[in-house]
Amino acid sequence: MRSLVLAALIAAQNPVMAQTRAELTRFEETSRYEEVRAFLDALVPTGRVRVESFGRSEEGRELPVAIIGSPPAAARPPRATSVPVVLVLANIHAGEVEGKEASLHLMRRMVSGDLQPLLGQAAWLFAPIYNADGNERISLENRVEQYGPIGGVGTRENANGLDLNRDFMKLDSAEGRALAALLARWDPDVVVDLHTTNGSYHGYHLTYAPSLNPNTDPALIAFARERLLPAVRQAMTSRHALRTYSYGNFATTTAMDAELLEFGATVSGVGAASSTGAASSGGAGTGDRVWRTFDHRPRFGTTYVGLRNRIAILSEAYSYLDFAGRVRVTEAFVEEIMRYVAGNAADITRLTGQADAATVAGLTEQGVSFALAPSAPAEILVGAVEKKTNPRSGREMIAMIEQRAVPTAMQEFGAFAVTQTRRVPSAYVVPARADNVHRTIAERLRSHGIAVRETTVPSPQDVDRFIVNAVQRAERPFQKRQETRVTGTWERATVMLPPGSLVVSTQQPLGRLVFYLLEPESDDGLGTWDILGPAVTAGTAHPVLKAR
């Protein structure tokens, strides 16, 4: 390892010559943490890169973010400018390492290669090794069926066993809190989240998705679905000869029946489909095969970013494409997003600014229950695979047969619809309590960058309060927490707020996120993750009230 680090450092004296561990090993291995840091440091003397730490991992590793420009910005540009901020996030799952390598390649091209014309078109941020601790747990036993790198990859989880792509709402991890702070500071207009698939045998080199929750500002959803992603897909075909499409997995209509009633209660997330093409969450079925997307809940990063009134794009390189090919397609996909952002910068900043303004002006209703909604029937490429042997581990890998991609007509389920809504109050109110649950709530909200006001004198408040009839906690923990759902009824009341009570306005830019975190019937709020604990008890009022 040390020899490769030194080789990279020597080559990096000229940024054009800087190489990643993947390149130095002919894509048999992936970069270690110190090699990523060395690569980034080697770009700094160009004067176009500044490397900062945006926090530390659970094991104390600094989490680097590279700010690229000419010169790199010292802080986030004012919202009044037409220069968007773009964050490329890689390696959130450290077994999915393509984004890490592709990010480094793109940075090299930006400071001394063909992408230099993009330097002044946006503020470009790259966080290439978000799950730094998981990255250092490289083993031949991780993601063994994936087609390389044959030298092994890291783990999906962080050092504390948490999936960082399920932590965006609860913020239990050190990494999650650090990333939320980065988002609050830089407020990126566009976030690109780089992953690798773990599911069906399709015929695409890469699949993608925008934010999936219908509570997202509709103009942002429309822009991503109808303008940005179609343009990028066309460029991937014409400029790179690579096949891309909306993210999905194969399922059957029989297996989907229950999911269509209440998707969020039955499906846990990305990769829910088995490699044979049947949906593992819904069981085998004999109905027609369909192509369906993943999850609407903001525990997933791209959907979380959507509730922050920003544009988010999920990238999923096909895990059965060879490692070099996965790096290449990921790099090309991000490049085309960057080109599109540069060419549509004013539209993007206008849309995100309008989304903020609409939220500050006040929302009326938002969804608390959602269902998969059918899109138009589509021709989906069904792929084929073959088995290959990893020469280092002796284990079987699954390899894409690139020439075998058969267009097959089927129903697509690529979006969600709201099935039940609730009123959005002007503010949520949390009375101060002896058990200090209000302090726990304030801490979590502030970690997201949400403004919270504390009362200083006793004051009466007209409210709607939720009387809990039943509390259902999952039998088994998920991400080290008991997922919780409540049922109950709403009633009007007047309460006396003691000093230290919380008032959380929804008329702030993060108002959509406030609703999702605090609404008692939310399917992914603080209550869902049992953060409120015994404060949520059948027969009592929920601790979070709605101002009237």
Protein backbone atom coordinates (compact mmCIF):
# COMPACT_ATOMS: atom_id res chain seq x y z
CA MET A 1 0.00 0.00 0.00
CA ARG A 2 2.74 2.46 0.96
CA SER A 3 4.41 2.06 -2.44
CA LEU A 4 1.19 2.95 -4.21
CA VAL A 5 0.70 6.02 -2.03
CA LEU A 6 4.23 7.17 -2.85
CA ALA A 7 3.73 6.49 -6.54
CA ALA A 8 0.56 8.56 -6.51
CA LEU A 9 2.30 11.39 -4.66
CA ILE A 10 5.23 11.46 -7.06
CA ALA A 11 2.94 11.47 -10.08
CA ALA A 12 0.77 14.13 -8.46
CA GLN A 13 3.53 16.73 -8.57
CA ASN A 14 1.90 17.43 -11.92
CA PRO A 15 -1.89 17.20 -11.47
CA VAL A 16 -2.28 15.92 -15.04
CA MET A 17 -0.21 12.89 -14.02
CA ALA A 18 -1.95 12.25 -10.68
CA GLN A 19 -3.42 8.75 -10.59
CA THR A 20 -5.77 6.90 -8.29
CA ARG A 21 -5.08 3.48 -6.83
CA ALA A 22 -7.68 2.10 -9.23
CA GLU A 23 -5.71 3.43 -12.19
CA LEU A 24 -2.35 2.32 -10.79
CA THR A 25 -3.64 -1.25 -10.33
CA ARG A 26 -5.50 -1.42 -13.65
CA PHE A 27 -8.76 -1.28 -11.72
CA GLU A 28 -8.04 -4.35 -9.62
CA GLU A 29 -8.14 -2.32 -6.38
CA THR A 30 -9.80 0.78 -4.97
CA SER A 31 -8.28 3.79 -3.21
CA ARG A 32 -7.64 3.81 0.53
CA TYR A 33 -8.36 6.80 2.74
CA GLU A 34 -4.77 8.10 2.84
CA GLU A 35 -4.48 7.80 -0.93
CA VAL A 36 -7.62 9.88 -1.42
CA ARG A 37 -6.22 12.53 0.91
CA ALA A 38 -2.88 12.50 -0.90
CA PHE A 39 -4.61 12.87 -4.27
CA LEU A 40 -6.64 15.85 -3.03
CA ASP A 41 -3.61 17.52 -1.45
CA ALA A 42 -1.72 17.17 -4.72
CA LEU A 43 -4.37 19.26 -6.50
CA VAL A 44 -4.17 22.18 -4.04
CA PRO A 45 -1.01 23.83 -5.53
CA THR A 46 -2.96 24.52 -8.74
CA GLY A 47 -4.74 27.32 -6.86
CA ARG A 48 -8.08 25.95 -7.99
CA VAL A 49 -8.76 23.57 -5.11
CA ARG A 50 -9.23 24.10 -1.42
CA VAL A 51 -9.58 21.04 0.80
CA GLU A 52 -11.43 21.33 4.09
CA SER A 53 -12.66 18.94 6.74
CA PHE A 54 -16.42 19.08 7.20
CA GLY A 55 -16.34 16.83 10.26
CA ARG A 56 -14.98 13.57 11.60
CA SER A 57 -16.05 9.98 11.26
CA GLU A 58 -17.01 7.76 14.19
CA GLU A 59 -13.37 6.63 14.37
CA GLY A 60 -12.04 10.18 14.15
CA ARG A 61 -11.01 10.39 10.50
CA GLU A 62 -11.41 13.82 8.97
CA LEU A 63 -14.06 13.94 6.24
CA PRO A 64 -12.62 15.92 3.34
CA VAL A 65 -14.56 18.17 0.99
CA ALA A 66 -12.82 19.74 -1.98
CA ILE A 67 -14.06 23.15 -3.16
CA ILE A 68 -13.11 23.75 -6.77
CA GLY A 69 -13.18 27.04 -8.65
CA SER A 70 -10.96 29.70 -10.14
CA PRO A 71 -10.14 30.60 -7.40
CA PRO A 72 -12.14 28.33 -5.07
CA ALA A 73 -14.80 30.19 -3.11
CA ALA A 74 -14.09 30.99 0.52
CA ALA A 75 -17.75 30.61 1.44
CA ARG A 76 -21.06 29.86 -0.16
CA PRO A 77 -21.95 32.53 -2.79
CA PRO A 78 -24.89 34.77 -1.86
CA ARG A 79 -28.31 33.45 -2.88
CA ALA A 80 -28.76 36.56 -4.99
CA THR A 81 -26.14 35.38 -7.47
CA SER A 82 -26.92 33.12 -10.42
CA VAL A 83 -23.99 30.83 -9.60
CA PRO A 84 -25.31 27.50 -8.32
CA VAL A 85 -23.57 25.32 -5.77
CA VAL A 86 -23.16 21.63 -6.65
CA LEU A 87 -22.18 18.89 -4.19
CA VAL A 88 -21.04 15.49 -5.44
CA LEU A 89 -21.24 12.94 -2.62
CA ALA A 90 -19.46 9.60 -3.01
CA ASN A 91 -18.75 6.45 -1.01
CA ILE A 92 -21.70 6.73 1.35
CA HIS A 93 -21.70 2.93 1.02
CA ALA A 94 -18.02 2.00 1.07
CA GLY A 95 -18.62 -1.20 -0.88
CA GLU A 96 -19.86 0.94 -3.76
CA VAL A 97 -16.57 2.57 -4.65
CA GLU A 98 -17.06 3.78 -8.23
CA GLY A 99 -18.13 7.26 -7.20
CA LYS A 100 -15.02 7.75 -5.11
CA GLU A 101 -12.70 7.02 -8.05
CA ALA A 102 -14.86 8.92 -10.56
CA SER A 103 -14.92 12.00 -8.31
CA LEU A 104 -11.13 12.10 -8.18
CA HIS A 105 -10.92 11.76 -11.97
CA LEU A 106 -13.38 14.62 -12.45
CA MET A 107 -11.48 16.90 -10.08
CA ARG A 108 -8.25 16.23 -11.97
CA ARG A 109 -9.95 17.08 -15.26
CA MET A 110 -11.38 20.29 -13.77
CA VAL A 111 -8.09 21.70 -12.49
CA SER A 112 -5.84 20.73 -15.40
CA GLY A 113 -7.84 19.01 -18.12
CA ASP A 114 -10.77 19.27 -20.47
CA LEU A 115 -13.31 20.35 -17.84
CA GLN A 116 -11.53 23.60 -16.95
CA PRO A 117 -14.22 25.68 -18.75
CA LEU A 118 -16.66 24.62 -16.01
CA LEU A 119 -14.60 26.18 -13.20
CA GLY A 120 -16.37 29.52 -13.06
CA GLN A 121 -19.84 28.22 -13.89
CA ALA A 122 -20.68 27.02 -10.36
CA ALA A 123 -19.18 26.41 -6.96
CA TRP A 124 -18.20 22.74 -7.19
CA LEU A 125 -17.92 20.65 -4.04
CA PHE A 126 -16.74 17.03 -3.92
CA ALA A 127 -16.95 14.81 -0.84
CA PRO A 128 -15.29 11.70 -2.32
CA ILE A 129 -14.99 9.45 0.75
CA TYR A 130 -17.97 10.13 3.01
CA ASN A 131 -17.97 6.70 4.70
CA ALA A 132 -14.27 6.91 5.51
CA ASP A 133 -14.32 4.24 8.23
CA GLY A 134 -16.19 1.73 6.10
CA ASN A 135 -13.71 2.36 3.29
CA GLU A 136 -10.83 1.13 5.45
CA ARG A 137 -12.57 -2.21 6.11
CA ILE A 138 -11.67 -3.52 2.66
CA SER A 139 -12.14 -7.27 2.37
CA LEU A 140 -12.56 -9.91 -0.32
CA GLU A 141 -15.70 -10.97 1.57
CA ASN A 142 -17.62 -7.73 0.91
CA ARG A 143 -20.04 -7.59 -2.06
CA VAL A 144 -18.55 -10.79 -3.47
CA GLU A 145 -20.98 -11.09 -6.42
CA GLN A 146 -20.15 -7.61 -7.70
CA TYR A 147 -17.89 -7.69 -10.77
CA GLY A 148 -14.72 -6.31 -9.18
CA PRO A 149 -12.59 -4.74 -8.03
CA ILE A 150 -11.03 -8.13 -7.40
CA GLY A 151 -8.93 -6.69 -4.53
CA GLY A 152 -12.04 -6.14 -2.43
CA VAL A 153 -14.12 -3.22 -1.21
CA GLY A 154 -15.19 -1.69 2.10
CA THR A 155 -18.39 -2.11 4.06
CA ARG A 156 -21.84 -0.70 3.52
CA GLU A 157 -22.10 0.49 7.13
CA ASN A 158 -19.97 2.93 9.09
CA ALA A 159 -17.81 1.90 12.06
CA ASN A 160 -20.88 1.92 14.32
CA GLY A 161 -22.83 -0.43 12.07
CA LEU A 162 -25.12 2.31 10.71
CA ASP A 163 -26.15 2.67 7.07
CA LEU A 164 -25.46 6.34 6.39
CA ASN A 165 -28.09 6.34 3.66
CA ARG A 166 -30.77 5.62 6.27
CA ASP A 167 -29.54 8.27 8.70
CA PHE A 168 -30.56 11.53 7.07
CA MET A 169 -33.58 12.16 9.29
CA LYS A 170 -32.48 10.78 12.65
CA LEU A 171 -28.81 11.87 12.40
CA ASP A 172 -27.53 9.22 14.79
CA SER A 173 -24.08 9.07 13.18
CA ALA A 174 -21.18 11.49 13.48
CA GLU A 175 -20.96 11.45 9.68
CA GLY A 176 -24.65 12.27 9.28
CA ARG A 177 -24.45 15.26 11.59
CA ALA A 178 -21.32 16.49 9.81
CA LEU A 179 -23.00 16.23 6.40
CA ALA A 180 -26.12 18.03 7.63
CA ALA A 181 -23.88 20.86 8.84
CA LEU A 182 -22.16 20.97 5.44
CA LEU A 183 -25.55 21.19 3.71
CA ALA A 184 -26.63 23.96 6.08
CA ARG A 185 -23.45 25.95 5.47
CA TRP A 186 -23.17 25.63 1.70
CA ASP A 187 -26.85 25.06 0.87
CA PRO A 188 -26.07 23.35 -2.45
CA ASP A 189 -28.61 23.82 -5.23
CA VAL A 190 -27.81 20.39 -6.68
CA VAL A 191 -26.62 17.26 -4.87
CA VAL A 192 -25.48 14.16 -6.75
CA ASP A 193 -25.32 10.98 -4.66
CA LEU A 194 -23.17 8.18 -6.15
CA HIS A 195 -24.06 4.50 -5.59
CA THR A 196 -23.90 1.04 -7.18
CA THR A 197 -26.86 -1.27 -7.71
CA ASN A 198 -27.57 -4.39 -5.72
CA GLY A 199 -30.53 -5.90 -7.51
CA SER A 200 -32.08 -7.01 -10.78
CA TYR A 201 -30.33 -8.10 -13.96
CA HIS A 202 -31.24 -5.23 -16.25
CA GLY A 203 -29.53 -3.97 -19.39
CA TYR A 204 -28.39 -0.48 -18.34
CA HIS A 205 -24.91 0.72 -17.49
CA LEU A 206 -26.35 3.15 -14.96
CA THR A 207 -29.75 4.04 -13.55
CA TYR A 208 -30.80 7.24 -11.79
CA ALA A 209 -33.58 8.86 -9.78
CA PRO A 210 -34.60 12.32 -8.58
CA SER A 211 -36.16 13.05 -5.20
CA LEU A 212 -39.15 10.74 -4.84
CA ASN A 213 -41.32 12.24 -2.10
CA PRO A 214 -44.39 14.15 -3.39
CA ASN A 215 -43.98 16.68 -0.56
CA THR A 216 -41.01 18.07 -2.51
CA ASP A 217 -41.62 21.38 -4.27
CA PRO A 218 -43.43 20.36 -7.50
CA ALA A 219 -41.40 22.70 -9.71
CA LEU A 220 -38.17 21.05 -8.56
CA ILE A 221 -39.60 17.59 -9.24
CA ALA A 222 -40.71 18.66 -12.70
CA PHE A 223 -37.35 20.24 -13.53
CA ALA A 224 -35.42 17.09 -12.59
CA ARG A 225 -37.81 14.64 -14.24
CA GLU A 226 -38.73 16.57 -17.37
CA ARG A 227 -35.64 18.61 -18.16
CA LEU A 228 -32.39 17.72 -16.41
CA LEU A 229 -32.48 13.93 -16.42
CA PRO A 230 -33.80 13.50 -19.99
CA ALA A 231 -31.09 15.85 -21.27
CA VAL A 232 -28.39 13.97 -19.35
CA ARG A 233 -29.69 10.64 -20.60
CA GLN A 234 -29.55 11.88 -24.19
CA ALA A 235 -25.98 13.09 -23.69
CA MET A 236 -24.98 9.74 -22.18
CA THR A 237 -26.22 8.06 -25.36
CA SER A 238 -24.88 10.49 -27.94
CA ARG A 239 -21.59 11.50 -26.33
CA HIS A 240 -20.62 8.34 -24.45
CA ALA A 241 -22.61 5.48 -26.05
CA LEU A 242 -23.81 4.38 -22.60
CA ARG A 243 -27.26 3.07 -21.69
CA THR A 244 -29.05 4.79 -18.79
CA TYR A 245 -32.60 4.89 -17.45
CA SER A 246 -34.68 5.65 -14.37
CA TYR A 247 -33.70 3.52 -11.39
CA GLY A 248 -35.76 0.41 -10.75
CA ASN A 249 -35.93 -3.28 -10.04
CA PHE A 250 -38.11 -5.99 -11.47
CA ALA A 251 -41.17 -7.04 -9.50
CA THR A 252 -44.48 -8.69 -10.31
CA THR A 253 -47.99 -7.30 -10.14
CA THR A 254 -48.92 -9.99 -7.65
CA ALA A 255 -46.05 -9.07 -5.36
CA MET A 256 -46.89 -5.36 -5.67
CA ASP A 257 -50.53 -5.55 -4.58
CA ALA A 258 -49.80 -4.99 -0.89
CA GLU A 259 -47.14 -2.38 -1.66
CA LEU A 260 -49.59 -0.29 -3.64
CA LEU A 261 -51.73 0.03 -0.52
CA GLU A 262 -48.97 1.40 1.68
CA PHE A 263 -45.51 1.16 0.18
CA GLY A 264 -43.60 2.71 3.04
CA ALA A 265 -44.83 0.16 5.57
CA THR A 266 -43.63 -2.84 3.58
CA VAL A 267 -40.42 -1.89 1.80
CA SER A 268 -37.17 -0.95 3.50
CA GLY A 269 -35.27 0.61 0.62
CA VAL A 270 -32.83 0.47 -2.27
CA GLY A 271 -31.81 -3.03 -3.27
CA ALA A 272 -35.05 -4.61 -2.05
CA ALA A 273 -35.30 -6.72 -5.18
CA SER A 274 -33.45 -9.99 -5.45
CA SER A 275 -30.90 -10.64 -8.18
CA THR A 276 -33.32 -13.01 -9.86
CA GLY A 277 -35.69 -10.15 -10.49
CA ALA A 278 -38.42 -10.85 -7.95
CA ALA A 279 -39.13 -8.34 -5.20
CA SER A 280 -37.84 -9.80 -1.99
CA SER A 281 -40.04 -7.52 0.09
CA GLY A 282 -43.25 -8.57 -1.56
CA GLY A 283 -42.47 -12.24 -2.19
CA ALA A 284 -42.65 -14.19 -5.43
CA GLY A 285 -45.65 -13.66 -7.66
CA THR A 286 -47.13 -14.95 -10.87
CA GLY A 287 -48.42 -11.66 -12.25
CA ASP A 288 -47.00 -9.50 -14.99
CA ARG A 289 -43.46 -8.26 -14.52
CA VAL A 290 -43.10 -4.54 -13.80
CA TRP A 291 -40.28 -2.05 -13.25
CA ARG A 292 -40.55 -0.21 -9.96
CA THR A 293 -38.48 2.42 -8.18
CA PHE A 294 -37.40 2.30 -4.53
CA ASP A 295 -38.58 4.39 -1.57
CA HIS A 296 -40.19 7.76 -0.97
CA ARG A 297 -38.92 8.35 2.58
CA PRO A 298 -36.34 11.06 3.36
CA ARG A 299 -34.13 8.72 5.36
CA PHE A 300 -32.59 8.34 1.89
CA GLY A 301 -30.27 11.19 0.96
CA THR A 302 -31.70 12.26 -2.39
CA THR A 303 -35.24 12.47 -1.05
CA TYR A 304 -34.02 14.30 2.07
CA VAL A 305 -32.31 16.90 -0.11
CA GLY A 306 -35.58 17.37 -2.00
CA LEU A 307 -37.33 18.32 1.25
CA ARG A 308 -34.60 20.95 1.74
CA ASN A 309 -35.92 22.59 -1.49
CA ARG A 310 -32.96 21.47 -3.54
CA ILE A 311 -32.41 19.28 -6.61
CA ALA A 312 -31.02 15.82 -5.89
CA ILE A 313 -29.97 13.04 -8.23
CA LEU A 314 -29.28 9.43 -7.33
CA SER A 315 -26.69 7.64 -9.51
CA GLU A 316 -26.59 3.83 -9.49
CA ALA A 317 -23.84 2.23 -11.58
CA TYR A 318 -24.68 -1.36 -12.54
CA SER A 319 -22.82 -3.66 -10.16
CA TYR A 320 -22.36 -6.41 -12.77
CA LEU A 321 -20.56 -4.10 -15.19
CA ASP A 322 -16.80 -4.43 -14.70
CA PHE A 323 -15.18 -2.05 -12.21
CA ALA A 324 -13.44 0.11 -14.82
CA GLY A 325 -16.72 0.38 -16.71
CA ARG A 326 -18.60 1.41 -13.56
CA VAL A 327 -16.07 4.16 -12.87
CA ARG A 328 -16.31 5.30 -16.49
CA VAL A 329 -20.11 5.47 -16.58
CA THR A 330 -20.30 7.22 -13.19
CA GLU A 331 -17.71 9.77 -14.28
CA ALA A 332 -19.58 10.39 -17.53
CA PHE A 333 -22.91 10.75 -15.75
CA VAL A 334 -21.61 13.34 -13.28
CA GLU A 335 -19.81 15.16 -16.10
CA GLU A 336 -23.05 15.51 -18.06
CA ILE A 337 -24.91 16.74 -14.97
CA MET A 338 -22.18 19.33 -14.46
CA ARG A 339 -22.41 20.44 -18.08
CA TYR A 340 -26.17 20.76 -17.80
CA VAL A 341 -25.97 22.74 -14.56
CA ALA A 342 -23.41 25.10 -16.12
CA GLY A 343 -25.69 25.68 -19.11
CA ASN A 344 -28.82 26.23 -16.99
CA ALA A 345 -27.37 27.94 -13.93
CA ALA A 346 -29.82 30.85 -13.81
CA ASP A 347 -32.85 28.56 -14.09
CA ILE A 348 -31.57 26.35 -11.27
CA THR A 349 -30.90 29.15 -8.79
CA ARG A 350 -34.23 30.77 -9.72
CA LEU A 351 -36.11 27.52 -9.05
CA THR A 352 -34.45 26.81 -5.71
CA GLY A 353 -34.98 30.42 -4.65
CA GLN A 354 -38.65 30.24 -5.61
CA ALA A 355 -39.04 26.99 -3.68
CA ASP A 356 -37.65 28.68 -0.57
CA ALA A 357 -39.94 31.68 -1.05
CA ALA A 358 -43.02 29.47 -1.47
CA THR A 359 -42.20 27.59 1.73
CA VAL A 360 -41.61 30.78 3.70
CA ALA A 361 -44.95 32.12 2.42
CA GLY A 362 -46.64 29.12 4.03
CA LEU A 363 -47.67 25.61 3.07
CA THR A 364 -51.25 24.41 3.44
CA GLU A 365 -51.17 20.60 3.38
CA GLN A 366 -48.50 17.94 3.07
CA GLY A 367 -48.68 14.18 2.72
CA VAL A 368 -48.31 11.67 5.55
CA SER A 369 -49.15 8.54 3.57
CA PHE A 370 -48.01 7.61 0.06
CA ALA A 371 -48.38 4.89 -2.56
CA LEU A 372 -46.53 3.87 -5.69
CA ALA A 373 -48.15 5.38 -8.75
CA PRO A 374 -48.03 3.84 -12.25
CA SER A 375 -46.21 5.73 -14.96
CA ALA A 376 -46.73 5.13 -18.66
CA PRO A 377 -45.84 1.64 -19.94
CA ALA A 378 -42.21 1.51 -21.01
CA GLU A 379 -39.67 -0.57 -22.90
CA ILE A 380 -37.26 -1.74 -20.20
CA LEU A 381 -33.95 -3.37 -21.10
CA VAL A 382 -33.75 -6.86 -19.63
CA GLY A 383 -30.14 -7.98 -19.29
CA ALA A 384 -28.20 -11.21 -19.09
CA VAL A 385 -25.23 -12.20 -16.95
CA GLU A 386 -22.54 -14.85 -16.69
CA LYS A 387 -20.36 -16.08 -13.83
CA LYS A 388 -16.66 -15.33 -13.51
CA THR A 389 -14.14 -16.32 -10.84
CA ASN A 390 -12.35 -13.74 -8.73
CA PRO A 391 -8.68 -14.84 -9.04
CA ARG A 392 -7.85 -13.54 -5.56
CA SER A 393 -10.71 -15.00 -3.56
CA GLY A 394 -11.83 -17.90 -5.72
CA ARG A 395 -15.43 -16.71 -5.27
CA GLU A 396 -17.90 -16.35 -8.12
CA MET A 397 -18.65 -12.90 -9.46
CA ILE A 398 -21.56 -11.98 -11.72
CA ALA A 399 -20.69 -10.23 -14.97
CA MET A 400 -22.93 -8.31 -17.35
CA ILE A 401 -23.17 -9.56 -20.93
CA GLU A 402 -23.25 -6.12 -22.49
CA GLN A 403 -24.57 -7.22 -25.89
CA ARG A 404 -27.59 -8.89 -24.30
CA ALA A 405 -30.06 -6.12 -23.50
CA VAL A 406 -33.56 -6.94 -24.71
CA PRO A 407 -36.24 -4.20 -24.80
CA THR A 408 -39.28 -5.59 -23.01
CA ALA A 409 -42.62 -3.83 -22.64
CA MET A 410 -43.87 -3.60 -19.07
CA GLN A 411 -45.64 -1.28 -16.65
CA GLU A 412 -43.37 1.17 -14.86
CA PHE A 413 -43.91 2.44 -11.33
CA GLY A 414 -41.49 5.32 -11.07
CA ALA A 415 -43.19 7.82 -8.78
CA PHE A 416 -45.37 8.16 -5.69
CA ALA A 417 -48.73 9.74 -4.99
CA VAL A 418 -50.07 11.19 -1.75
CA THR A 419 -52.87 9.11 -0.24
CA GLN A 420 -53.44 11.10 2.96
CA THR A 421 -52.60 14.68 3.94
CA ARG A 422 -52.46 16.74 7.10
CA ARG A 423 -52.66 20.48 7.74
CA VAL A 424 -49.35 22.32 7.91
CA PRO A 425 -49.47 24.72 10.87
CA SER A 426 -47.67 28.04 10.91
CA ALA A 427 -45.56 26.49 13.68
CA TYR A 428 -45.16 23.36 15.75
CA VAL A 429 -45.07 23.82 19.51
CA VAL A 430 -43.29 21.56 22.01
CA PRO A 431 -44.00 22.42 25.65
CA ALA A 432 -41.01 22.20 27.98
CA ARG A 433 -41.09 18.90 29.88
CA ALA A 434 -39.46 17.44 32.96
CA ASP A 435 -38.12 14.53 30.89
CA ASN A 436 -36.34 17.05 28.61
CA VAL A 437 -37.67 15.47 25.42
CA HIS A 438 -38.11 19.03 24.12
CA ARG A 439 -34.34 19.49 24.41
CA THR A 440 -33.76 16.31 22.42
CA ILE A 441 -36.08 17.59 19.72
CA ALA A 442 -34.36 21.01 19.64
CA GLU A 443 -30.95 19.38 19.32
CA ARG A 444 -32.01 17.20 16.38
CA LEU A 445 -33.74 20.06 14.57
CA ARG A 446 -30.77 22.39 14.95
CA SER A 447 -28.48 19.67 13.62
CA HIS A 448 -30.48 19.91 10.38
CA GLY A 449 -30.04 23.68 10.30
CA ILE A 450 -33.68 24.34 11.29
CA ALA A 451 -34.41 27.54 13.23
CA VAL A 452 -35.92 26.88 16.67
CA ARG A 453 -37.20 29.54 19.08
CA GLU A 454 -37.47 28.97 22.83
CA THR A 455 -40.07 30.83 24.90
CA THR A 456 -38.92 32.91 27.86
CA VAL A 457 -42.17 33.56 29.73
CA PRO A 458 -45.33 31.50 30.33
CA SER A 459 -47.80 32.00 27.50
CA PRO A 460 -51.15 30.50 26.43
CA GLN A 461 -51.35 28.88 23.00
CA ASP A 462 -54.31 27.61 20.97
CA VAL A 463 -53.29 24.28 19.46
CA ASP A 464 -54.34 21.10 17.74
CA ARG A 465 -53.05 18.15 19.71
CA PHE A 466 -52.87 14.51 18.70
CA ILE A 467 -54.32 12.08 21.23
CA VAL A 468 -52.44 8.81 20.81
CA ASN A 469 -54.76 5.79 20.71
CA ALA A 470 -52.13 3.17 19.94
CA VAL A 471 -48.36 2.91 19.56
CA GLN A 472 -46.89 0.19 17.36
CA ARG A 473 -43.15 -0.44 17.73
CA ALA A 474 -41.33 -2.85 15.44
CA GLU A 475 -40.42 -6.18 17.04
CA ARG A 476 -36.86 -6.03 15.75
CA PRO A 477 -34.57 -3.00 15.66
CA PHE A 478 -33.68 -1.39 12.36
CA GLN A 479 -30.54 0.75 12.31
CA LYS A 480 -30.39 0.22 16.08
CA ARG A 481 -33.80 1.80 16.66
CA GLN A 482 -37.37 0.53 17.01
CA GLU A 483 -39.41 1.98 14.17
CA THR A 484 -42.65 3.35 15.60
CA ARG A 485 -46.07 4.26 14.23
CA VAL A 486 -48.98 5.88 16.03
CA THR A 487 -52.69 6.15 15.46
CA GLY A 488 -55.02 8.58 17.15
CA THR A 489 -57.33 11.55 16.81
CA TRP A 490 -56.93 15.31 16.72
CA GLU A 491 -58.58 17.74 19.10
CA ARG A 492 -58.46 21.47 19.75
CA ALA A 493 -57.14 22.79 23.04
CA THR A 494 -55.57 25.78 24.75
CA VAL A 495 -52.35 25.02 26.62
CA MET A 496 -50.03 27.07 28.79
CA LEU A 497 -46.49 26.97 27.45
CA PRO A 498 -43.88 27.11 30.22
CA PRO A 499 -40.59 28.96 29.67
CA GLY A 500 -38.18 26.95 27.55
CA SER A 501 -40.91 25.59 25.28
CA LEU A 502 -40.09 25.29 21.57
CA VAL A 503 -41.75 27.14 18.74
CA VAL A 504 -40.67 25.80 15.34
CA SER A 505 -41.97 27.81 12.41
CA THR A 506 -42.80 26.03 9.18
CA GLN A 507 -42.50 29.40 7.41
CA GLN A 508 -38.76 29.05 6.96
CA PRO A 509 -36.84 27.60 3.98
CA LEU A 510 -36.69 24.17 5.64
CA GLY A 511 -40.42 24.18 6.44
CA ARG A 512 -41.10 21.02 4.43
CA LEU A 513 -38.46 19.21 6.46
CA VAL A 514 -39.93 20.61 9.69
CA PHE A 515 -43.29 19.07 8.78
CA TYR A 516 -41.80 15.67 8.02
CA LEU A 517 -39.72 15.58 11.20
CA LEU A 518 -42.40 16.76 13.64
CA GLU A 519 -45.79 15.75 12.26
CA PRO A 520 -47.06 13.01 14.65
CA GLU A 521 -48.32 10.79 11.81
CA SER A 522 -45.21 11.24 9.65
CA ASP A 523 -43.78 7.99 8.29
CA ASP A 524 -40.16 9.09 8.74
CA GLY A 525 -40.04 11.70 11.47
CA LEU A 526 -38.44 11.87 14.89
CA GLY A 527 -41.32 9.83 16.24
CA THR A 528 -40.83 7.14 13.60
CA TRP A 529 -37.31 6.56 14.88
CA ASP A 530 -38.51 6.38 18.51
CA ILE A 531 -36.39 9.41 19.39
CA LEU A 532 -39.27 10.70 21.49
CA GLY A 533 -39.31 7.46 23.50
CA PRO A 534 -41.80 7.14 26.39
CA ALA A 535 -43.12 10.64 25.68
CA VAL A 536 -45.28 8.94 23.05
CA THR A 537 -47.69 6.76 25.02
CA ALA A 538 -51.19 5.49 24.27
CA GLY A 539 -53.88 7.49 26.00
CA THR A 540 -51.86 10.72 26.20
CA ALA A 541 -51.30 13.75 24.01
CA HIS A 542 -48.37 13.62 21.62
CA PRO A 543 -45.58 15.95 22.85
CA VAL A 544 -45.55 17.86 19.53
CA LEU A 545 -48.51 20.24 19.11
CA LYS A 546 -49.72 22.33 16.19
CA ALA A 547 -50.25 26.05 16.60
CA ARG A 548 -53.64 27.31 15.48
